[in-house]
Amino acid sequence: MRKMILGIIIGGVLGAASGYYLSCTGGVCPLAGNPWRGAISGAVLGFIFSVV
């Protein structure tokens, strides 16, 4: 359980950072277009990697 929560938190933080620093205009990269979408997609990926 702890590993899963930690994976979600780390993924969310990394996704938010990538959405903030690597934000795209024009809709080219939909997963990291802004910090909120980056955090959500990062948290989902963190969850997937922590379960596998």
C-alpha atoms as a PDB file:
ATOM      1  CA  MET A   1       0.000   0.000   0.000  1.00  0.00           C
ATOM      2  CA  ARG A   2       2.810   2.404   0.900  1.00  0.00           C
ATOM      3  CA  LYS A   3       4.615   1.659  -2.372  1.00  0.00           C
ATOM      4  CA  MET A   4       1.464   2.462  -4.348  1.00  0.00           C
ATOM      5  CA  ILE A   5       0.865   5.797  -2.592  1.00  0.00           C
ATOM      6  CA  LEU A   6       4.510   6.757  -2.977  1.00  0.00           C
ATOM      7  CA  GLY A   7       4.381   5.925  -6.691  1.00  0.00           C
ATOM      8  CA  ILE A   8       1.287   8.091  -7.143  1.00  0.00           C
ATOM      9  CA  ILE A   9       2.865  11.029  -5.297  1.00  0.00           C
ATOM     10  CA  ILE A  10       6.186  10.826  -7.133  1.00  0.00           C
ATOM     11  CA  GLY A  11       4.443  10.424 -10.486  1.00  0.00           C
ATOM     12  CA  GLY A  12       2.178  13.376  -9.779  1.00  0.00           C
ATOM     13  CA  VAL A  13       5.048  15.633  -8.775  1.00  0.00           C
ATOM     14  CA  LEU A  14       7.152  14.677 -11.796  1.00  0.00           C
ATOM     15  CA  GLY A  15       4.160  15.058 -14.104  1.00  0.00           C
ATOM     16  CA  ALA A  16       3.344  18.493 -12.705  1.00  0.00           C
ATOM     17  CA  ALA A  17       6.950  19.578 -13.119  1.00  0.00           C
ATOM     18  CA  SER A  18       7.030  18.363 -16.710  1.00  0.00           C
ATOM     19  CA  GLY A  19       3.738  20.109 -17.393  1.00  0.00           C
ATOM     20  CA  TYR A  20       5.117  23.325 -15.961  1.00  0.00           C
ATOM     21  CA  TYR A  21       8.519  23.340 -17.615  1.00  0.00           C
ATOM     22  CA  LEU A  22       7.689  21.524 -20.846  1.00  0.00           C
ATOM     23  CA  SER A  23       4.251  22.988 -21.493  1.00  0.00           C
ATOM     24  CA  CYS A  24       3.253  22.956 -25.138  1.00  0.00           C
ATOM     25  CA  THR A  25       1.041  25.381 -26.964  1.00  0.00           C
ATOM     26  CA  GLY A  26      -1.132  24.248 -29.799  1.00  0.00           C
ATOM     27  CA  GLY A  27      -2.145  20.875 -28.334  1.00  0.00           C
ATOM     28  CA  VAL A  28       0.888  18.943 -29.543  1.00  0.00           C
ATOM     29  CA  CYS A  29       1.460  17.129 -26.246  1.00  0.00           C
ATOM     30  CA  PRO A  30      -1.875  16.539 -24.503  1.00  0.00           C
ATOM     31  CA  LEU A  31      -0.516  14.659 -21.470  1.00  0.00           C
ATOM     32  CA  ALA A  32       1.705  17.500 -20.293  1.00  0.00           C
ATOM     33  CA  GLY A  33      -0.030  20.536 -21.744  1.00  0.00           C
ATOM     34  CA  ASN A  34      -0.262  22.236 -18.356  1.00  0.00           C
ATOM     35  CA  PRO A  35       0.745  21.335 -14.774  1.00  0.00           C
ATOM     36  CA  TRP A  36      -2.679  19.916 -13.845  1.00  0.00           C
ATOM     37  CA  ARG A  37      -2.860  17.497 -16.752  1.00  0.00           C
ATOM     38  CA  GLY A  38       0.784  16.603 -16.219  1.00  0.00           C
ATOM     39  CA  ALA A  39       0.113  15.826 -12.558  1.00  0.00           C
ATOM     40  CA  ILE A  40      -2.893  13.660 -13.368  1.00  0.00           C
ATOM     41  CA  SER A  41      -1.158  11.710 -16.112  1.00  0.00           C
ATOM     42  CA  GLY A  42       1.970  11.363 -13.954  1.00  0.00           C
ATOM     43  CA  ALA A  43      -0.068  10.067 -11.026  1.00  0.00           C
ATOM     44  CA  VAL A  44      -1.755   7.506 -13.256  1.00  0.00           C
ATOM     45  CA  LEU A  45       1.583   6.360 -14.653  1.00  0.00           C
ATOM     46  CA  GLY A  46       3.046   6.260 -11.142  1.00  0.00           C
ATOM     47  CA  PHE A  47       0.144   4.071 -10.025  1.00  0.00           C
ATOM     48  CA  ILE A  48       0.620   1.727 -12.954  1.00  0.00           C
ATOM     49  CA  PHE A  49       4.359   1.398 -12.373  1.00  0.00           C
ATOM     50  CA  SER A  50       3.896   0.823  -8.642  1.00  0.00           C
ATOM     51  CA  VAL A  51       1.358  -1.963  -9.183  1.00  0.00           C
ATOM     52  CA  VAL A  52       3.400  -3.817 -11.791  1.00  0.00           C
END
